[in-house]
Structure formats: C-alpha cells, structure tokens
Amino acid sequence: MKSLPELTKLYYTISEVAEMFSVSTSLLRYWESEFPSLKPKKDRRGDRKFQVKDILELQQIHHLVKERGFTLEGAKKELKEGTGKPMDNEEIRKKLIALKIKIEKKLSEL
C-alpha cells in the first residue's frame, strides 16, 4: 500500500491529494462520484477540502484499484465488506504457492 506523508494539516487541496497518490485531480473527482462514502468538504467557491479520513479512504481505493487491480465495482464491494485491507506477507506467500502449484499442474498436462 502506498505510504502517505505525515498528515499534519486539517484540510488538503485536491492537487495536494492527487500528488500524494501520483494521480490526476480528475481521477479523484471521478472516484468521488463512484464511491458515495467519499465526500470531501467544499468551500464557498466549491473547492474540495480533503480531511485525513478522506485521504485514508482514498488510500484504500488507490490500493485496491491501482495496486491490486480491482475494478471499481470490485473495490466498492471489497470496501463495503470491510476486507479492503492489504494482504500481509503470509497471505501473499500462500496465494503465490497455490498459483505456482496450479501453473505447474497445467504445464505438466501439456
């Protein structure tokens, strides 16, 4: 999961948040429209002001979509079920071993 800088401010602009995740501001606005729980505050001019809770949610979305390859629907489901946490090393190891066995089996059938 992408590590974040120390979040010391109360509010962050959309450009600051986009830079944290190395994504465009338009992608953040799109994710805002797709994930109902993501609701940054807006000032009088309509500029988005992201709080730490918004940034932490974006971190989960970014991890699922950009790092783990989930579709937006899959990420929504994963977040709704509360299992959007990153896998630990043991989980990754088990999945890789299972995948290796599956690949070896397919290769031996050839």
PDB file of N, CA and C in Angstrom:
ATOM      1  N   MET A   1       0.856  -1.176   0.000  1.00  0.00           N
ATOM      2  CA  MET A   1       0.000   0.000   0.000  1.00  0.00           C
ATOM      3  C   MET A   1       0.892   1.226   0.000  1.00  0.00           C
ATOM      4  N   LYS A   2       0.548   2.178  -0.832  1.00  0.00           N
ATOM      5  CA  LYS A   2       1.337   3.408  -0.956  1.00  0.00           C
ATOM      6  C   LYS A   2       1.379   4.122   0.397  1.00  0.00           C
ATOM      7  N   SER A   3       2.594   4.429   0.855  1.00  0.00           N
ATOM      8  CA  SER A   3       2.716   5.128   2.132  1.00  0.00           C
ATOM      9  C   SER A   3       2.459   6.619   1.911  1.00  0.00           C
ATOM     10  N   LEU A   4       1.857   7.206   2.894  1.00  0.00           N
ATOM     11  CA  LEU A   4       1.497   8.623   2.821  1.00  0.00           C
ATOM     12  C   LEU A   4       2.485   9.449   3.620  1.00  0.00           C
ATOM     13  N   PRO A   5       2.648  10.710   3.250  1.00  0.00           N
ATOM     14  CA  PRO A   5       3.451  11.586   4.100  1.00  0.00           C
ATOM     15  C   PRO A   5       2.701  11.818   5.412  1.00  0.00           C
ATOM     16  N   GLU A   6       3.365  12.356   6.384  1.00  0.00           N
ATOM     17  CA  GLU A   6       2.703  12.645   7.650  1.00  0.00           C
ATOM     18  C   GLU A   6       1.600  13.675   7.397  1.00  0.00           C
ATOM     19  N   LEU A   7       0.390  13.342   7.812  1.00  0.00           N
ATOM     20  CA  LEU A   7      -0.765  14.213   7.579  1.00  0.00           C
ATOM     21  C   LEU A   7      -0.945  15.118   8.785  1.00  0.00           C
ATOM     22  N   THR A   8      -0.434  16.341   8.681  1.00  0.00           N
ATOM     23  CA  THR A   8      -0.431  17.256   9.816  1.00  0.00           C
ATOM     24  C   THR A   8      -1.469  18.366   9.689  1.00  0.00           C
ATOM     25  N   LYS A   9      -1.975  18.581   8.487  1.00  0.00           N
ATOM     26  CA  LYS A   9      -2.934  19.669   8.278  1.00  0.00           C
ATOM     27  C   LYS A   9      -4.357  19.180   8.488  1.00  0.00           C
ATOM     28  N   LEU A  10      -5.254  20.107   8.721  1.00  0.00           N
ATOM     29  CA  LEU A  10      -6.666  19.780   8.885  1.00  0.00           C
ATOM     30  C   LEU A  10      -7.315  19.501   7.533  1.00  0.00           C
ATOM     31  N   TYR A  11      -6.960  20.288   6.522  1.00  0.00           N
ATOM     32  CA  TYR A  11      -7.526  20.132   5.185  1.00  0.00           C
ATOM     33  C   TYR A  11      -6.425  20.146   4.135  1.00  0.00           C
ATOM     34  N   TYR A  12      -6.653  19.373   3.063  1.00  0.00           N
ATOM     35  CA  TYR A  12      -5.725  19.318   1.940  1.00  0.00           C
ATOM     36  C   TYR A  12      -6.495  19.623   0.660  1.00  0.00           C
ATOM     37  N   THR A  13      -5.849  20.311  -0.277  1.00  0.00           N
ATOM     38  CA  THR A  13      -6.496  20.609  -1.557  1.00  0.00           C
ATOM     39  C   THR A  13      -6.470  19.358  -2.435  1.00  0.00           C
ATOM     40  N   ILE A  14      -7.272  19.373  -3.475  1.00  0.00           N
ATOM     41  CA  ILE A  14      -7.328  18.231  -4.378  1.00  0.00           C
ATOM     42  C   ILE A  14      -5.983  18.019  -5.072  1.00  0.00           C
ATOM     43  N   SER A  15      -5.274  19.102  -5.368  1.00  0.00           N
ATOM     44  CA  SER A  15      -3.973  18.940  -6.027  1.00  0.00           C
ATOM     45  C   SER A  15      -2.945  18.325  -5.076  1.00  0.00           C
ATOM     46  N   GLU A  16      -3.005  18.664  -3.802  1.00  0.00           N
ATOM     47  CA  GLU A  16      -2.100  18.056  -2.825  1.00  0.00           C
ATOM     48  C   GLU A  16      -2.368  16.552  -2.699  1.00  0.00           C
ATOM     49  N   VAL A  17      -3.642  16.201  -2.665  1.00  0.00           N
ATOM     50  CA  VAL A  17      -4.017  14.790  -2.532  1.00  0.00           C
ATOM     51  C   VAL A  17      -3.639  14.026  -3.802  1.00  0.00           C
ATOM     52  N   ALA A  18      -3.881  14.620  -4.952  1.00  0.00           N
ATOM     53  CA  ALA A  18      -3.515  13.975  -6.216  1.00  0.00           C
ATOM     54  C   ALA A  18      -2.019  13.703  -6.261  1.00  0.00           C
ATOM     55  N   GLU A  19      -1.232  14.637  -5.775  1.00  0.00           N
ATOM     56  CA  GLU A  19       0.220  14.453  -5.747  1.00  0.00           C
ATOM     57  C   GLU A  19       0.621  13.323  -4.796  1.00  0.00           C
ATOM     58  N   MET A  20      -0.081  13.195  -3.669  1.00  0.00           N
ATOM     59  CA  MET A  20       0.217  12.119  -2.713  1.00  0.00           C
ATOM     60  C   MET A  20       0.110  10.743  -3.365  1.00  0.00           C
ATOM     61  N   PHE A  21      -0.883  10.594  -4.246  1.00  0.00           N
ATOM     62  CA  PHE A  21      -1.146   9.296  -4.860  1.00  0.00           C
ATOM     63  C   PHE A  21      -0.635   9.195  -6.296  1.00  0.00           C
ATOM     64  N   SER A  22       0.010  10.234  -6.779  1.00  0.00           N
ATOM     65  CA  SER A  22       0.519  10.278  -8.159  1.00  0.00           C
ATOM     66  C   SER A  22      -0.581   9.985  -9.173  1.00  0.00           C
ATOM     67  N   VAL A  23      -1.724  10.639  -8.975  1.00  0.00           N
ATOM     68  CA  VAL A  23      -2.851  10.511  -9.905  1.00  0.00           C
ATOM     69  C   VAL A  23      -3.318  11.910 -10.283  1.00  0.00           C
ATOM     70  N   SER A  24      -4.203  11.987 -11.267  1.00  0.00           N
ATOM     71  CA  SER A  24      -4.713  13.297 -11.695  1.00  0.00           C
ATOM     72  C   SER A  24      -5.866  13.735 -10.787  1.00  0.00           C
ATOM     73  N   THR A  25      -6.107  15.024 -10.781  1.00  0.00           N
ATOM     74  CA  THR A  25      -7.223  15.548  -9.994  1.00  0.00           C
ATOM     75  C   THR A  25      -8.557  15.057 -10.567  1.00  0.00           C
ATOM     76  N   SER A  26      -8.602  14.871 -11.878  1.00  0.00           N
ATOM     77  CA  SER A  26      -9.851  14.394 -12.488  1.00  0.00           C
ATOM     78  C   SER A  26     -10.167  12.966 -12.032  1.00  0.00           C
ATOM     79  N   LEU A  27      -9.149  12.151 -11.812  1.00  0.00           N
ATOM     80  CA  LEU A  27      -9.386  10.797 -11.306  1.00  0.00           C
ATOM     81  C   LEU A  27      -9.968  10.857  -9.896  1.00  0.00           C
ATOM     82  N   LEU A  28      -9.471  11.761  -9.071  1.00  0.00           N
ATOM     83  CA  LEU A  28     -10.022  11.899  -7.719  1.00  0.00           C
ATOM     84  C   LEU A  28     -11.481  12.343  -7.766  1.00  0.00           C
ATOM     85  N   ARG A  29     -11.788  13.274  -8.667  1.00  0.00           N
ATOM     86  CA  ARG A  29     -13.190  13.717  -8.805  1.00  0.00           C
ATOM     87  C   ARG A  29     -14.060  12.560  -9.290  1.00  0.00           C
ATOM     88  N   TYR A  30     -13.526  11.734 -10.198  1.00  0.00           N
ATOM     89  CA  TYR A  30     -14.273  10.572 -10.689  1.00  0.00           C
ATOM     90  C   TYR A  30     -14.512   9.576  -9.559  1.00  0.00           C
ATOM     91  N   TRP A  31     -13.471   9.282  -8.780  1.00  0.00           N
ATOM     92  CA  TRP A  31     -13.650   8.358  -7.655  1.00  0.00           C
ATOM     93  C   TRP A  31     -14.672   8.906  -6.667  1.00  0.00           C
ATOM     94  N   GLU A  32     -14.683  10.205  -6.487  1.00  0.00           N
ATOM     95  CA  GLU A  32     -15.661  10.826  -5.590  1.00  0.00           C
ATOM     96  C   GLU A  32     -17.089  10.544  -6.078  1.00  0.00           C
ATOM     97  N   SER A  33     -17.276  10.564  -7.398  1.00  0.00           N
ATOM     98  CA  SER A  33     -18.610  10.306  -7.943  1.00  0.00           C
ATOM     99  C   SER A  33     -18.974   8.822  -7.864  1.00  0.00           C
ATOM    100  N   GLU A  34     -17.980   7.943  -7.857  1.00  0.00           N
ATOM    101  CA  GLU A  34     -18.212   6.499  -7.849  1.00  0.00           C
ATOM    102  C   GLU A  34     -18.339   5.907  -6.440  1.00  0.00           C
ATOM    103  N   PHE A  35     -17.696   6.507  -5.466  1.00  0.00           N
ATOM    104  CA  PHE A  35     -17.706   5.985  -4.097  1.00  0.00           C
ATOM    105  C   PHE A  35     -18.499   6.954  -3.214  1.00  0.00           C
ATOM    106  N   PRO A  36     -19.751   6.601  -2.893  1.00  0.00           N
ATOM    107  CA  PRO A  36     -20.615   7.516  -2.138  1.00  0.00           C
ATOM    108  C   PRO A  36     -20.071   7.908  -0.768  1.00  0.00           C
ATOM    109  N   SER A  37     -19.253   7.063  -0.167  1.00  0.00           N
ATOM    110  CA  SER A  37     -18.730   7.374   1.161  1.00  0.00           C
ATOM    111  C   SER A  37     -17.621   8.427   1.104  1.00  0.00           C
ATOM    112  N   LEU A  38     -17.107   8.696  -0.062  1.00  0.00           N
ATOM    113  CA  LEU A  38     -16.046   9.683  -0.226  1.00  0.00           C
ATOM    114  C   LEU A  38     -16.685  11.050  -0.493  1.00  0.00           C
ATOM    115  N   LYS A  39     -16.738  11.865   0.532  1.00  0.00           N
ATOM    116  CA  LYS A  39     -17.386  13.173   0.421  1.00  0.00           C
ATOM    117  C   LYS A  39     -16.517  14.267   1.045  1.00  0.00           C
ATOM    118  N   PRO A  40     -15.534  14.767   0.289  1.00  0.00           N
ATOM    119  CA  PRO A  40     -14.738  15.871   0.852  1.00  0.00           C
ATOM    120  C   PRO A  40     -15.602  17.121   0.994  1.00  0.00           C
ATOM    121  N   LYS A  41     -15.252  17.922   1.983  1.00  0.00           N
ATOM    122  CA  LYS A  41     -15.984  19.180   2.173  1.00  0.00           C
ATOM    123  C   LYS A  41     -15.644  20.110   1.026  1.00  0.00           C
ATOM    124  N   LYS A  42     -16.522  21.067   0.779  1.00  0.00           N
ATOM    125  CA  LYS A  42     -16.266  22.072  -0.254  1.00  0.00           C
ATOM    126  C   LYS A  42     -16.411  23.446   0.370  1.00  0.00           C
ATOM    127  N   ASP A  43     -15.532  24.356  -0.043  1.00  0.00           N
ATOM    128  CA  ASP A  43     -15.626  25.718   0.470  1.00  0.00           C
ATOM    129  C   ASP A  43     -16.643  26.511  -0.356  1.00  0.00           C
ATOM    130  N   ARG A  44     -16.761  27.794  -0.097  1.00  0.00           N
ATOM    131  CA  ARG A  44     -17.759  28.628  -0.789  1.00  0.00           C
ATOM    132  C   ARG A  44     -17.568  28.639  -2.299  1.00  0.00           C
ATOM    133  N   ARG A  45     -16.327  28.519  -2.722  1.00  0.00           N
ATOM    134  CA  ARG A  45     -16.043  28.518  -4.157  1.00  0.00           C
ATOM    135  C   ARG A  45     -16.247  27.148  -4.787  1.00  0.00           C
ATOM    136  N   GLY A  46     -16.499  26.142  -3.961  1.00  0.00           N
ATOM    137  CA  GLY A  46     -16.681  24.790  -4.489  1.00  0.00           C
ATOM    138  C   GLY A  46     -15.406  23.979  -4.542  1.00  0.00           C
ATOM    139  N   ASP A  47     -14.318  24.547  -4.020  1.00  0.00           N
ATOM    140  CA  ASP A  47     -13.048  23.811  -3.991  1.00  0.00           C
ATOM    141  C   ASP A  47     -13.117  22.715  -2.934  1.00  0.00           C
ATOM    142  N   ARG A  48     -12.643  21.525  -3.290  1.00  0.00           N
ATOM    143  CA  ARG A  48     -12.669  20.400  -2.372  1.00  0.00           C
ATOM    144  C   ARG A  48     -11.599  20.552  -1.306  1.00  0.00           C
ATOM    145  N   LYS A  49     -11.981  20.212  -0.079  1.00  0.00           N
ATOM    146  CA  LYS A  49     -11.063  20.232   1.055  1.00  0.00           C
ATOM    147  C   LYS A  49     -11.089  18.839   1.681  1.00  0.00           C
ATOM    148  N   PHE A  50     -10.018  18.085   1.467  1.00  0.00           N
ATOM    149  CA  PHE A  50      -9.946  16.717   1.946  1.00  0.00           C
ATOM    150  C   PHE A  50      -9.411  16.674   3.370  1.00  0.00           C
ATOM    151  N   GLN A  51     -10.120  15.941   4.228  1.00  0.00           N
ATOM    152  CA  GLN A  51      -9.674  15.721   5.593  1.00  0.00           C
ATOM    153  C   GLN A  51      -8.879  14.411   5.634  1.00  0.00           C
ATOM    154  N   VAL A  52      -8.247  14.143   6.761  1.00  0.00           N
ATOM    155  CA  VAL A  52      -7.444  12.931   6.901  1.00  0.00           C
ATOM    156  C   VAL A  52      -8.292  11.689   6.636  1.00  0.00           C
ATOM    157  N   LYS A  53      -9.531  11.659   7.112  1.00  0.00           N
ATOM    158  CA  LYS A  53     -10.399  10.482   6.897  1.00  0.00           C
ATOM    159  C   LYS A  53     -10.654  10.260   5.406  1.00  0.00           C
ATOM    160  N   ASP A  54     -10.798  11.337   4.641  1.00  0.00           N
ATOM    161  CA  ASP A  54     -10.983  11.223   3.188  1.00  0.00           C
ATOM    162  C   ASP A  54      -9.724  10.653   2.533  1.00  0.00           C
ATOM    163  N   ILE A  55      -8.574  11.117   2.981  1.00  0.00           N
ATOM    164  CA  ILE A  55      -7.308  10.670   2.406  1.00  0.00           C
ATOM    165  C   ILE A  55      -7.075   9.194   2.722  1.00  0.00           C
ATOM    166  N   LEU A  56      -7.427   8.772   3.929  1.00  0.00           N
ATOM    167  CA  LEU A  56      -7.272   7.361   4.286  1.00  0.00           C
ATOM    168  C   LEU A  56      -8.198   6.476   3.450  1.00  0.00           C
ATOM    169  N   GLU A  57      -9.402   6.963   3.173  1.00  0.00           N
ATOM    170  CA  GLU A  57     -10.304   6.202   2.307  1.00  0.00           C
ATOM    171  C   GLU A  57      -9.754   6.148   0.878  1.00  0.00           C
ATOM    172  N   LEU A  58      -9.227   7.258   0.411  1.00  0.00           N
ATOM    173  CA  LEU A  58      -8.607   7.269  -0.919  1.00  0.00           C
ATOM    174  C   LEU A  58      -7.417   6.320  -0.975  1.00  0.00           C
ATOM    175  N   GLN A  59      -6.696   6.203   0.117  1.00  0.00           N
ATOM    176  CA  GLN A  59      -5.567   5.276   0.167  1.00  0.00           C
ATOM    177  C   GLN A  59      -6.053   3.843  -0.051  1.00  0.00           C
ATOM    178  N   GLN A  60      -7.183   3.494   0.563  1.00  0.00           N
ATOM    179  CA  GLN A  60      -7.751   2.152   0.366  1.00  0.00           C
ATOM    180  C   GLN A  60      -8.204   1.962  -1.078  1.00  0.00           C
ATOM    181  N   ILE A  61      -8.895   2.957  -1.617  1.00  0.00           N
ATOM    182  CA  ILE A  61      -9.374   2.876  -3.003  1.00  0.00           C
ATOM    183  C   ILE A  61      -8.182   2.742  -3.951  1.00  0.00           C
ATOM    184  N   HIS A  62      -7.179   3.562  -3.762  1.00  0.00           N
ATOM    185  CA  HIS A  62      -5.990   3.523  -4.608  1.00  0.00           C
ATOM    186  C   HIS A  62      -5.329   2.146  -4.522  1.00  0.00           C
ATOM    187  N   HIS A  63      -5.212   1.614  -3.311  1.00  0.00           N
ATOM    188  CA  HIS A  63      -4.590   0.300  -3.131  1.00  0.00           C
ATOM    189  C   HIS A  63      -5.361  -0.773  -3.895  1.00  0.00           C
ATOM    190  N   LEU A  64      -6.681  -0.767  -3.763  1.00  0.00           N
ATOM    191  CA  LEU A  64      -7.485  -1.801  -4.413  1.00  0.00           C
ATOM    192  C   LEU A  64      -7.460  -1.667  -5.932  1.00  0.00           C
ATOM    193  N   VAL A  65      -7.634  -0.455  -6.428  1.00  0.00           N
ATOM    194  CA  VAL A  65      -7.778  -0.250  -7.872  1.00  0.00           C
ATOM    195  C   VAL A  65      -6.423  -0.230  -8.583  1.00  0.00           C
ATOM    196  N   LYS A  66      -5.490   0.528  -8.086  1.00  0.00           N
ATOM    197  CA  LYS A  66      -4.222   0.725  -8.794  1.00  0.00           C
ATOM    198  C   LYS A  66      -3.173  -0.328  -8.459  1.00  0.00           C
ATOM    199  N   GLU A  67      -3.147  -0.799  -7.216  1.00  0.00           N
ATOM    200  CA  GLU A  67      -2.100  -1.733  -6.824  1.00  0.00           C
ATOM    201  C   GLU A  67      -2.547  -3.191  -6.927  1.00  0.00           C
ATOM    202  N   ARG A  68      -3.798  -3.464  -6.586  1.00  0.00           N
ATOM    203  CA  ARG A  68      -4.267  -4.856  -6.624  1.00  0.00           C
ATOM    204  C   ARG A  68      -5.079  -5.171  -7.870  1.00  0.00           C
ATOM    205  N   GLY A  69      -5.397  -4.166  -8.684  1.00  0.00           N
ATOM    206  CA  GLY A  69      -6.048  -4.390  -9.963  1.00  0.00           C
ATOM    207  C   GLY A  69      -7.542  -4.636  -9.907  1.00  0.00           C
ATOM    208  N   PHE A  70      -8.210  -4.218  -8.856  1.00  0.00           N
ATOM    209  CA  PHE A  70      -9.653  -4.387  -8.747  1.00  0.00           C
ATOM    210  C   PHE A  70     -10.361  -3.467  -9.738  1.00  0.00           C
ATOM    211  N   THR A  71     -11.530  -3.894 -10.188  1.00  0.00           N
ATOM    212  CA  THR A  71     -12.404  -2.981 -10.924  1.00  0.00           C
ATOM    213  C   THR A  71     -13.034  -2.051  -9.902  1.00  0.00           C
ATOM    214  N   LEU A  72     -13.686  -0.988 -10.367  1.00  0.00           N
ATOM    215  CA  LEU A  72     -14.342  -0.091  -9.416  1.00  0.00           C
ATOM    216  C   LEU A  72     -15.455  -0.826  -8.665  1.00  0.00           C
ATOM    217  N   GLU A  73     -16.198  -1.662  -9.376  1.00  0.00           N
ATOM    218  CA  GLU A  73     -17.263  -2.434  -8.718  1.00  0.00           C
ATOM    219  C   GLU A  73     -16.681  -3.381  -7.675  1.00  0.00           C
ATOM    220  N   GLY A  74     -15.572  -4.026  -8.035  1.00  0.00           N
ATOM    221  CA  GLY A  74     -14.919  -4.927  -7.090  1.00  0.00           C
ATOM    222  C   GLY A  74     -14.398  -4.187  -5.869  1.00  0.00           C
ATOM    223  N   ALA A  75     -13.841  -2.996  -6.085  1.00  0.00           N
ATOM    224  CA  ALA A  75     -13.340  -2.187  -4.977  1.00  0.00           C
ATOM    225  C   ALA A  75     -14.486  -1.740  -4.077  1.00  0.00           C
ATOM    226  N   LYS A  76     -15.612  -1.361  -4.678  1.00  0.00           N
ATOM    227  CA  LYS A  76     -16.778  -0.965  -3.879  1.00  0.00           C
ATOM    228  C   LYS A  76     -17.226  -2.119  -2.997  1.00  0.00           C
ATOM    229  N   LYS A  77     -17.295  -3.297  -3.589  1.00  0.00           N
ATOM    230  CA  LYS A  77     -17.719  -4.489  -2.844  1.00  0.00           C
ATOM    231  C   LYS A  77     -16.731  -4.795  -1.719  1.00  0.00           C
ATOM    232  N   GLU A  78     -15.464  -4.720  -2.025  1.00  0.00           N
ATOM    233  CA  GLU A  78     -14.422  -5.007  -1.037  1.00  0.00           C
ATOM    234  C   GLU A  78     -14.494  -4.011   0.125  1.00  0.00           C
ATOM    235  N   LEU A  79     -14.692  -2.737  -0.178  1.00  0.00           N
ATOM    236  CA  LEU A  79     -14.795  -1.721   0.869  1.00  0.00           C
ATOM    237  C   LEU A  79     -16.061  -1.908   1.694  1.00  0.00           C
ATOM    238  N   LYS A  80     -17.154  -2.270   1.027  1.00  0.00           N
ATOM    239  CA  LYS A  80     -18.429  -2.473   1.719  1.00  0.00           C
ATOM    240  C   LYS A  80     -18.333  -3.641   2.699  1.00  0.00           C
ATOM    241  N   GLU A  81     -17.629  -4.705   2.277  1.00  0.00           N
ATOM    242  CA  GLU A  81     -17.482  -5.879   3.131  1.00  0.00           C
ATOM    243  C   GLU A  81     -16.414  -5.673   4.205  1.00  0.00           C
ATOM    244  N   GLY A  82     -15.683  -4.578   4.079  1.00  0.00           N
ATOM    245  CA  GLY A  82     -14.681  -4.264   5.088  1.00  0.00           C
ATOM    246  C   GLY A  82     -13.423  -5.088   5.000  1.00  0.00           C
ATOM    247  N   THR A  83     -13.174  -5.705   3.861  1.00  0.00           N
ATOM    248  CA  THR A  83     -11.978  -6.531   3.726  1.00  0.00           C
ATOM    249  C   THR A  83     -10.953  -5.869   2.825  1.00  0.00           C
ATOM    250  N   GLY A  84     -11.030  -4.563   2.656  1.00  0.00           N
ATOM    251  CA  GLY A  84     -10.131  -3.859   1.760  1.00  0.00           C
ATOM    252  C   GLY A  84      -8.737  -3.632   2.313  1.00  0.00           C
ATOM    253  N   LYS A  85      -8.397  -4.339   3.368  1.00  0.00           N
ATOM    254  CA  LYS A  85      -7.067  -4.178   3.950  1.00  0.00           C
ATOM    255  C   LYS A  85      -6.025  -4.856   3.072  1.00  0.00           C
ATOM    256  N   PRO A  86      -4.805  -4.382   3.131  1.00  0.00           N
ATOM    257  CA  PRO A  86      -3.768  -5.025   2.330  1.00  0.00           C
ATOM    258  C   PRO A  86      -3.454  -6.424   2.859  1.00  0.00           C
ATOM    259  N   MET A  87      -3.014  -7.297   1.963  1.00  0.00           N
ATOM    260  CA  MET A  87      -2.641  -8.641   2.386  1.00  0.00           C
ATOM    261  C   MET A  87      -1.301  -8.577   3.110  1.00  0.00           C
ATOM    262  N   ASP A  88      -1.168  -9.414   4.145  1.00  0.00           N
ATOM    263  CA  ASP A  88       0.136  -9.487   4.789  1.00  0.00           C
ATOM    264  C   ASP A  88       1.019 -10.473   4.030  1.00  0.00           C
ATOM    265  N   ASN A  89       2.277 -10.555   4.408  1.00  0.00           N
ATOM    266  CA  ASN A  89       3.233 -11.390   3.682  1.00  0.00           C
ATOM    267  C   ASN A  89       2.828 -12.856   3.675  1.00  0.00           C
ATOM    268  N   GLU A  90       2.271 -13.349   4.751  1.00  0.00           N
ATOM    269  CA  GLU A  90       1.871 -14.754   4.818  1.00  0.00           C
ATOM    270  C   GLU A  90       0.742 -15.044   3.833  1.00  0.00           C
ATOM    271  N   GLU A  91      -0.230 -14.134   3.744  1.00  0.00           N
ATOM    272  CA  GLU A  91      -1.320 -14.308   2.776  1.00  0.00           C
ATOM    273  C   GLU A  91      -0.782 -14.319   1.343  1.00  0.00           C
ATOM    274  N   ILE A  92       0.130 -13.422   1.071  1.00  0.00           N
ATOM    275  CA  ILE A  92       0.720 -13.344  -0.264  1.00  0.00           C
ATOM    276  C   ILE A  92       1.478 -14.631  -0.573  1.00  0.00           C
ATOM    277  N   ARG A  93       2.260 -15.105   0.387  1.00  0.00           N
ATOM    278  CA  ARG A  93       3.030 -16.331   0.201  1.00  0.00           C
ATOM    279  C   ARG A  93       2.122 -17.512  -0.118  1.00  0.00           C
ATOM    280  N   LYS A  94       1.023 -17.661   0.638  1.00  0.00           N
ATOM    281  CA  LYS A  94       0.088 -18.763   0.411  1.00  0.00           C
ATOM    282  C   LYS A  94      -0.548 -18.676  -0.977  1.00  0.00           C
ATOM    283  N   LYS A  95      -0.928 -17.473  -1.378  1.00  0.00           N
ATOM    284  CA  LYS A  95      -1.542 -17.306  -2.701  1.00  0.00           C
ATOM    285  C   LYS A  95      -0.543 -17.620  -3.814  1.00  0.00           C
ATOM    286  N   LEU A  96       0.701 -17.209  -3.626  1.00  0.00           N
ATOM    287  CA  LEU A  96       1.720 -17.480  -4.635  1.00  0.00           C
ATOM    288  C   LEU A  96       2.018 -18.972  -4.745  1.00  0.00           C
ATOM    289  N   ILE A  97       2.055 -19.666  -3.614  1.00  0.00           N
ATOM    290  CA  ILE A  97       2.294 -21.116  -3.643  1.00  0.00           C
ATOM    291  C   ILE A  97       1.148 -21.822  -4.359  1.00  0.00           C
ATOM    292  N   ALA A  98      -0.084 -21.423  -4.047  1.00  0.00           N
ATOM    293  CA  ALA A  98      -1.240 -22.031  -4.710  1.00  0.00           C
ATOM    294  C   ALA A  98      -1.199 -21.773  -6.218  1.00  0.00           C
ATOM    295  N   LEU A  99      -0.825 -20.576  -6.600  1.00  0.00           N
ATOM    296  CA  LEU A  99      -0.723 -20.231  -8.018  1.00  0.00           C
ATOM    297  C   LEU A  99       0.392 -21.031  -8.698  1.00  0.00           C
ATOM    298  N   LYS A 100       1.516 -21.183  -8.019  1.00  0.00           N
ATOM    299  CA  LYS A 100       2.639 -21.952  -8.563  1.00  0.00           C
ATOM    300  C   LYS A 100       2.215 -23.406  -8.810  1.00  0.00           C
ATOM    301  N   ILE A 101       1.508 -23.993  -7.844  1.00  0.00           N
ATOM    302  CA  ILE A 101       1.040 -25.373  -7.981  1.00  0.00           C
ATOM    303  C   ILE A 101       0.094 -25.501  -9.170  1.00  0.00           C
ATOM    304  N   LYS A 102      -0.793 -24.522  -9.296  1.00  0.00           N
ATOM    305  CA  LYS A 102      -1.751 -24.530 -10.406  1.00  0.00           C
ATOM    306  C   LYS A 102      -1.024 -24.441 -11.754  1.00  0.00           C
ATOM    307  N   ILE A 103      -0.034 -23.576 -11.846  1.00  0.00           N
ATOM    308  CA  ILE A 103       0.718 -23.400 -13.088  1.00  0.00           C
ATOM    309  C   ILE A 103       1.504 -24.680 -13.418  1.00  0.00           C
ATOM    310  N   GLU A 104       2.153 -25.243 -12.390  1.00  0.00           N
ATOM    311  CA  GLU A 104       2.923 -26.471 -12.602  1.00  0.00           C
ATOM    312  C   GLU A 104       2.022 -27.612 -13.083  1.00  0.00           C
ATOM    313  N   LYS A 105       0.834 -27.683 -12.540  1.00  0.00           N
ATOM    314  CA  LYS A 105      -0.120 -28.718 -12.947  1.00  0.00           C
ATOM    315  C   LYS A 105      -0.503 -28.529 -14.409  1.00  0.00           C
ATOM    316  N   LYS A 106      -0.788 -27.290 -14.796  1.00  0.00           N
ATOM    317  CA  LYS A 106      -1.153 -27.006 -16.193  1.00  0.00           C
ATOM    318  C   LYS A 106       0.004 -27.334 -17.134  1.00  0.00           C
ATOM    319  N   LEU A 107       1.211 -27.000 -16.731  1.00  0.00           N
ATOM    320  CA  LEU A 107       2.375 -27.262 -17.569  1.00  0.00           C
ATOM    321  C   LEU A 107       2.620 -28.765 -17.734  1.00  0.00           C
ATOM    322  N   SER A 108       2.376 -29.509 -16.670  1.00  0.00           N
ATOM    323  CA  SER A 108       2.594 -30.964 -16.760  1.00  0.00           C
ATOM    324  C   SER A 108       1.560 -31.642 -17.650  1.00  0.00           C
ATOM    325  N   GLU A 109       0.420 -30.990 -17.820  1.00  0.00           N
ATOM    326  CA  GLU A 109      -0.640 -31.545 -18.685  1.00  0.00           C
ATOM    327  C   GLU A 109      -0.319 -31.316 -20.160  1.00  0.00           C
ATOM    328  N   LEU A 110       0.581 -30.406 -20.452  1.00  0.00           N
ATOM    329  CA  LEU A 110       0.919 -30.083 -21.851  1.00  0.00           C
ATOM    330  C   LEU A 110       1.767 -31.115 -22.496  1.00  0.00           C
TER     331      LEU A 110
END
